[in-house]
């Protein structure tokens, strides 16, 4: 059974930073391209960053240069370092494979950027 547990969100001022973590279990973590997704109120869930098994990364234009995705195969964990946060980054953040082939999503972690 796949389990994805996201953590690290919170309330931060514009320009601040957060580091999100996603611990995966029940999967062979090392064979999947992993992604971070987010869903803002009233909007569709969107992919913001992804990382292949070999460490190649891709980012949505809206976060390029500010967010960094990484993964630790030994810990079955994927990270999202978010710098220079903006109010429009406010959303619930989730991890999943890319594409999101796992049958279920974690609970997500709320990121709120506000002064």
N, C-alpha and C. Protein backbone atom coordinates (compact mmCIF):
# COMPACT_ATOMS: atom_id res chain seq x y z
N UNK A 1 0.85 -1.19 0.00
CA UNK A 1 0.00 0.00 0.00
C UNK A 1 0.88 1.23 0.00
N UNK A 2 0.62 2.11 -0.96
CA UNK A 2 1.41 3.34 -1.08
C UNK A 2 1.02 4.31 0.03
N UNK A 3 2.03 4.89 0.64
CA UNK A 3 1.79 5.94 1.61
C UNK A 3 2.75 7.09 1.34
N UNK A 4 2.18 8.28 1.22
CA UNK A 4 2.96 9.49 1.00
C UNK A 4 2.64 10.45 2.13
N UNK A 5 3.66 10.89 2.85
CA UNK A 5 3.46 11.77 3.99
C UNK A 5 4.25 13.04 3.79
N UNK A 6 3.53 14.13 3.55
CA UNK A 6 4.16 15.43 3.34
C UNK A 6 4.24 16.20 4.65
N UNK A 7 5.29 17.00 4.80
CA UNK A 7 5.46 17.81 5.99
C UNK A 7 6.31 19.02 5.66
N UNK A 8 6.34 19.97 6.60
CA UNK A 8 7.22 21.11 6.46
C UNK A 8 6.54 22.42 6.09
N UNK A 9 5.25 22.38 5.85
CA UNK A 9 4.55 23.61 5.50
C UNK A 9 4.37 24.52 6.69
N UNK A 10 3.78 25.68 6.42
CA UNK A 10 3.54 26.63 7.49
C UNK A 10 3.21 27.99 6.96
N UNK A 11 3.20 28.96 7.86
CA UNK A 11 2.94 30.35 7.52
C UNK A 11 4.27 31.09 7.44
N UNK A 12 4.49 31.77 6.34
CA UNK A 12 5.75 32.48 6.14
C UNK A 12 5.46 33.81 5.47
N UNK A 13 6.30 34.79 5.75
CA UNK A 13 6.15 36.10 5.12
C UNK A 13 6.69 36.07 3.70
N UNK A 14 6.18 36.96 2.86
CA UNK A 14 6.75 37.07 1.50
C UNK A 14 8.26 37.26 1.56
N UNK A 15 8.95 36.53 0.68
CA UNK A 15 10.40 36.54 0.67
C UNK A 15 11.04 35.48 1.53
N UNK A 16 10.24 34.80 2.33
CA UNK A 16 10.76 33.77 3.22
C UNK A 16 10.99 32.45 2.54
N UNK A 17 11.40 31.46 3.34
CA UNK A 17 11.74 30.14 2.81
C UNK A 17 11.08 29.04 3.65
N UNK A 18 10.85 27.93 2.98
CA UNK A 18 10.38 26.71 3.64
C UNK A 18 11.01 25.52 2.93
N UNK A 19 11.14 24.43 3.67
CA UNK A 19 11.60 23.17 3.07
C UNK A 19 10.57 22.10 3.34
N UNK A 20 10.00 21.58 2.28
CA UNK A 20 9.01 20.52 2.39
C UNK A 20 9.67 19.16 2.25
N UNK A 21 9.11 18.18 2.93
CA UNK A 21 9.58 16.79 2.82
C UNK A 21 8.41 15.89 2.49
N UNK A 22 8.69 14.83 1.76
CA UNK A 22 7.67 13.82 1.47
C UNK A 22 8.31 12.45 1.63
N UNK A 23 7.85 11.71 2.62
CA UNK A 23 8.34 10.37 2.87
C UNK A 23 7.41 9.36 2.20
N UNK A 24 7.99 8.51 1.39
CA UNK A 24 7.20 7.52 0.64
C UNK A 24 7.46 6.12 1.18
N UNK A 25 6.42 5.32 1.24
CA UNK A 25 6.56 3.92 1.62
C UNK A 25 5.60 3.09 0.79
N UNK A 26 5.87 1.79 0.73
CA UNK A 26 5.01 0.90 -0.02
C UNK A 26 5.28 0.90 -1.51
N UNK A 27 6.36 1.56 -1.93
CA UNK A 27 6.72 1.61 -3.35
C UNK A 27 8.21 1.37 -3.50
N UNK A 28 8.61 1.03 -4.71
CA UNK A 28 10.04 0.98 -5.01
C UNK A 28 10.41 2.39 -5.44
N UNK A 29 10.74 3.20 -4.45
CA UNK A 29 10.91 4.65 -4.63
C UNK A 29 11.88 4.96 -5.76
N UNK A 30 12.93 4.18 -5.85
CA UNK A 30 14.03 4.53 -6.74
C UNK A 30 13.69 4.40 -8.22
N UNK A 31 12.56 3.81 -8.57
CA UNK A 31 12.26 3.64 -10.00
C UNK A 31 11.32 4.72 -10.53
N UNK A 32 10.86 5.61 -9.67
CA UNK A 32 9.88 6.60 -10.08
C UNK A 32 10.46 8.00 -10.21
N UNK A 33 10.08 8.69 -11.29
CA UNK A 33 10.21 10.14 -11.30
C UNK A 33 9.20 10.68 -10.30
N UNK A 34 9.64 11.55 -9.42
CA UNK A 34 8.77 12.10 -8.39
C UNK A 34 8.49 13.57 -8.66
N UNK A 35 7.33 14.00 -8.19
CA UNK A 35 6.95 15.39 -8.41
C UNK A 35 6.32 16.01 -7.17
N UNK A 36 6.44 17.33 -7.10
CA UNK A 36 5.69 18.11 -6.13
C UNK A 36 4.58 18.83 -6.88
N UNK A 37 3.40 18.75 -6.34
CA UNK A 37 2.23 19.38 -6.91
C UNK A 37 1.66 20.35 -5.87
N UNK A 38 0.85 21.28 -6.35
CA UNK A 38 0.16 22.16 -5.40
C UNK A 38 -1.24 22.46 -5.90
N UNK A 39 -2.11 22.75 -4.94
CA UNK A 39 -3.48 23.12 -5.28
C UNK A 39 -3.89 24.30 -4.42
N UNK A 40 -4.14 25.40 -5.09
CA UNK A 40 -4.62 26.60 -4.42
C UNK A 40 -6.16 26.57 -4.39
N UNK A 41 -6.75 27.29 -3.46
CA UNK A 41 -8.22 27.31 -3.37
C UNK A 41 -8.87 27.70 -4.69
N UNK A 42 -9.82 26.89 -5.14
CA UNK A 42 -10.53 27.19 -6.36
C UNK A 42 -9.78 26.91 -7.65
N UNK A 43 -8.59 26.31 -7.53
CA UNK A 43 -7.78 26.04 -8.71
C UNK A 43 -7.50 24.55 -8.83
N UNK A 44 -7.10 24.16 -10.05
CA UNK A 44 -6.72 22.78 -10.30
C UNK A 44 -5.35 22.49 -9.68
N UNK A 45 -5.14 21.22 -9.34
CA UNK A 45 -3.82 20.82 -8.87
C UNK A 45 -2.83 20.95 -10.02
N UNK A 46 -1.64 21.47 -9.74
CA UNK A 46 -0.64 21.66 -10.78
C UNK A 46 0.71 21.11 -10.34
N UNK A 47 1.48 20.66 -11.31
CA UNK A 47 2.82 20.18 -11.05
C UNK A 47 3.77 21.36 -10.99
N UNK A 48 4.56 21.46 -9.94
CA UNK A 48 5.50 22.58 -9.83
C UNK A 48 6.95 22.16 -10.02
N UNK A 49 7.28 20.90 -9.72
CA UNK A 49 8.66 20.46 -9.87
C UNK A 49 8.70 18.94 -9.96
N UNK A 50 9.68 18.42 -10.67
CA UNK A 50 9.84 16.98 -10.75
C UNK A 50 11.32 16.63 -10.79
N UNK A 51 11.62 15.39 -10.40
CA UNK A 51 12.99 14.92 -10.39
C UNK A 51 13.01 13.45 -10.82
N UNK A 52 13.89 13.14 -11.77
CA UNK A 52 13.99 11.78 -12.26
C UNK A 52 14.79 10.92 -11.28
N UNK A 53 14.85 9.63 -11.58
CA UNK A 53 15.63 8.74 -10.73
C UNK A 53 17.10 9.11 -10.76
N UNK A 54 17.55 9.69 -11.85
CA UNK A 54 18.94 10.08 -11.96
C UNK A 54 19.24 11.48 -11.47
N UNK A 55 18.21 12.19 -11.05
CA UNK A 55 18.43 13.51 -10.46
C UNK A 55 18.19 14.68 -11.40
N UNK A 56 17.71 14.44 -12.62
CA UNK A 56 17.39 15.55 -13.51
C UNK A 56 16.10 16.21 -13.04
N UNK A 57 16.07 17.53 -13.10
CA UNK A 57 14.95 18.27 -12.55
C UNK A 57 14.25 19.13 -13.59
N UNK A 58 12.98 19.39 -13.33
CA UNK A 58 12.19 20.32 -14.15
C UNK A 58 11.29 21.12 -13.24
N UNK A 59 11.03 22.37 -13.65
CA UNK A 59 10.24 23.27 -12.84
C UNK A 59 9.21 24.00 -13.68
N UNK A 60 8.08 24.30 -13.05
CA UNK A 60 7.12 25.20 -13.68
C UNK A 60 7.75 26.59 -13.77
N UNK A 61 7.37 27.32 -14.79
CA UNK A 61 7.95 28.66 -14.98
C UNK A 61 7.72 29.54 -13.76
N UNK A 62 6.60 29.35 -13.10
CA UNK A 62 6.25 30.21 -11.97
C UNK A 62 7.17 30.04 -10.77
N UNK A 63 7.91 28.94 -10.69
CA UNK A 63 8.77 28.69 -9.52
C UNK A 63 10.24 28.57 -9.91
N UNK A 64 10.52 28.60 -11.19
CA UNK A 64 11.91 28.42 -11.66
C UNK A 64 12.82 29.47 -11.05
N UNK A 65 13.95 29.02 -10.53
CA UNK A 65 14.90 29.93 -9.92
C UNK A 65 14.64 30.18 -8.44
N UNK A 66 13.49 29.75 -7.95
CA UNK A 66 13.15 29.96 -6.53
C UNK A 66 13.02 28.64 -5.77
N UNK A 67 12.55 27.60 -6.44
CA UNK A 67 12.33 26.29 -5.81
C UNK A 67 13.39 25.31 -6.29
N UNK A 68 13.77 24.39 -5.40
CA UNK A 68 14.70 23.33 -5.75
C UNK A 68 14.18 22.01 -5.23
N UNK A 69 14.04 21.04 -6.12
CA UNK A 69 13.60 19.71 -5.74
C UNK A 69 14.81 18.79 -5.62
N UNK A 70 14.78 17.90 -4.65
CA UNK A 70 15.86 16.93 -4.48
C UNK A 70 15.27 15.65 -3.90
N UNK A 71 16.05 14.59 -3.90
CA UNK A 71 15.57 13.32 -3.37
C UNK A 71 16.70 12.57 -2.70
N UNK A 72 16.32 11.75 -1.73
CA UNK A 72 17.26 10.91 -1.02
C UNK A 72 16.75 9.48 -1.14
N UNK A 73 17.42 8.69 -1.99
CA UNK A 73 16.95 7.32 -2.23
C UNK A 73 17.05 6.47 -0.97
N UNK A 74 18.06 6.71 -0.15
CA UNK A 74 18.24 5.91 1.06
C UNK A 74 17.10 6.12 2.05
N UNK A 75 16.52 7.32 2.01
CA UNK A 75 15.44 7.66 2.95
C UNK A 75 14.06 7.62 2.30
N UNK A 76 14.00 7.26 1.02
CA UNK A 76 12.72 7.26 0.30
C UNK A 76 11.98 8.58 0.47
N UNK A 77 12.71 9.66 0.34
CA UNK A 77 12.17 10.99 0.63
C UNK A 77 12.50 11.95 -0.51
N UNK A 78 11.54 12.79 -0.83
CA UNK A 78 11.76 13.86 -1.79
C UNK A 78 11.52 15.19 -1.08
N UNK A 79 12.31 16.18 -1.43
CA UNK A 79 12.29 17.48 -0.76
C UNK A 79 11.94 18.58 -1.76
N UNK A 80 11.44 19.69 -1.22
CA UNK A 80 11.23 20.89 -2.03
C UNK A 80 11.70 22.08 -1.20
N UNK A 81 12.81 22.65 -1.59
CA UNK A 81 13.29 23.87 -0.96
C UNK A 81 12.66 25.05 -1.68
N UNK A 82 11.95 25.88 -0.94
CA UNK A 82 11.22 27.00 -1.52
C UNK A 82 11.79 28.30 -0.95
N UNK A 83 12.35 29.12 -1.81
CA UNK A 83 12.92 30.40 -1.41
C UNK A 83 12.15 31.53 -2.09
N UNK A 84 12.34 32.74 -1.59
CA UNK A 84 11.70 33.93 -2.17
C UNK A 84 10.21 33.69 -2.38
N UNK A 85 9.57 33.20 -1.36
CA UNK A 85 8.15 32.83 -1.48
C UNK A 85 7.29 34.07 -1.72
N UNK A 86 6.24 33.84 -2.51
CA UNK A 86 5.30 34.90 -2.87
C UNK A 86 3.90 34.51 -2.40
N UNK A 87 3.02 35.48 -2.23
CA UNK A 87 1.64 35.14 -1.83
C UNK A 87 0.97 34.15 -2.78
N UNK A 88 1.32 34.22 -4.06
CA UNK A 88 0.70 33.30 -5.02
C UNK A 88 1.22 31.87 -4.91
N UNK A 89 2.19 31.64 -4.05
CA UNK A 89 2.65 30.27 -3.77
C UNK A 89 1.77 29.59 -2.72
N UNK A 90 0.85 30.34 -2.14
CA UNK A 90 -0.05 29.78 -1.13
C UNK A 90 -0.88 28.65 -1.73
N UNK A 91 -0.81 27.48 -1.11
CA UNK A 91 -1.50 26.30 -1.62
C UNK A 91 -1.25 25.13 -0.68
N UNK A 92 -1.96 24.05 -0.92
CA UNK A 92 -1.61 22.77 -0.29
C UNK A 92 -0.66 22.06 -1.24
N UNK A 93 0.46 21.61 -0.71
CA UNK A 93 1.49 20.96 -1.51
C UNK A 93 1.46 19.45 -1.28
N UNK A 94 1.54 18.71 -2.39
CA UNK A 94 1.50 17.26 -2.37
C UNK A 94 2.67 16.70 -3.16
N UNK A 95 3.05 15.48 -2.84
CA UNK A 95 4.00 14.77 -3.69
C UNK A 95 3.31 13.54 -4.28
N UNK A 96 3.82 13.11 -5.41
CA UNK A 96 3.34 11.90 -6.07
C UNK A 96 4.36 11.60 -7.15
N UNK A 97 4.15 10.51 -7.85
CA UNK A 97 4.99 10.25 -9.00
C UNK A 97 4.60 11.24 -10.11
N UNK A 98 5.46 11.31 -11.13
CA UNK A 98 5.13 12.07 -12.31
C UNK A 98 5.16 11.12 -13.50
N UNK A 99 4.01 10.87 -14.15
CA UNK A 99 2.68 11.33 -13.78
C UNK A 99 2.21 10.71 -12.49
N UNK A 100 1.14 11.23 -11.90
CA UNK A 100 0.71 10.78 -10.56
C UNK A 100 0.00 9.43 -10.61
N UNK A 101 0.79 8.38 -10.82
CA UNK A 101 0.22 7.05 -11.02
C UNK A 101 -0.19 6.35 -9.73
N UNK A 102 0.26 6.87 -8.60
CA UNK A 102 -0.14 6.23 -7.36
C UNK A 102 -1.63 6.44 -7.13
N UNK A 103 -2.29 5.44 -6.64
CA UNK A 103 -3.74 5.49 -6.53
C UNK A 103 -4.28 6.47 -5.53
N UNK A 104 -3.43 6.90 -4.60
CA UNK A 104 -3.93 7.82 -3.58
C UNK A 104 -2.93 8.93 -3.37
N UNK A 105 -3.41 10.03 -2.83
CA UNK A 105 -2.58 11.17 -2.48
C UNK A 105 -2.44 11.24 -0.97
N UNK A 106 -1.37 11.84 -0.51
CA UNK A 106 -1.21 12.10 0.90
C UNK A 106 -2.13 13.22 1.34
N UNK A 107 -1.97 13.62 2.60
CA UNK A 107 -2.84 14.67 3.13
C UNK A 107 -2.37 16.06 2.69
N UNK A 108 -1.16 16.13 2.17
CA UNK A 108 -0.60 17.41 1.77
C UNK A 108 -0.11 18.21 2.95
N UNK A 109 0.57 19.31 2.64
CA UNK A 109 1.04 20.22 3.67
C UNK A 109 0.73 21.64 3.22
N UNK A 110 0.11 22.41 4.10
CA UNK A 110 -0.35 23.76 3.75
C UNK A 110 0.81 24.75 3.81
N UNK A 111 0.95 25.52 2.76
CA UNK A 111 1.90 26.62 2.72
C UNK A 111 1.10 27.90 2.54
N UNK A 112 1.29 28.82 3.46
CA UNK A 112 0.61 30.10 3.40
C UNK A 112 1.66 31.20 3.43
N UNK A 113 1.65 32.03 2.40
CA UNK A 113 2.60 33.14 2.31
C UNK A 113 1.81 34.44 2.48
N UNK A 114 2.04 35.09 3.59
CA UNK A 114 1.27 36.29 3.90
C UNK A 114 2.02 37.14 4.90
N UNK A 115 1.83 38.44 4.78
CA UNK A 115 2.42 39.35 5.76
C UNK A 115 1.43 39.66 6.88
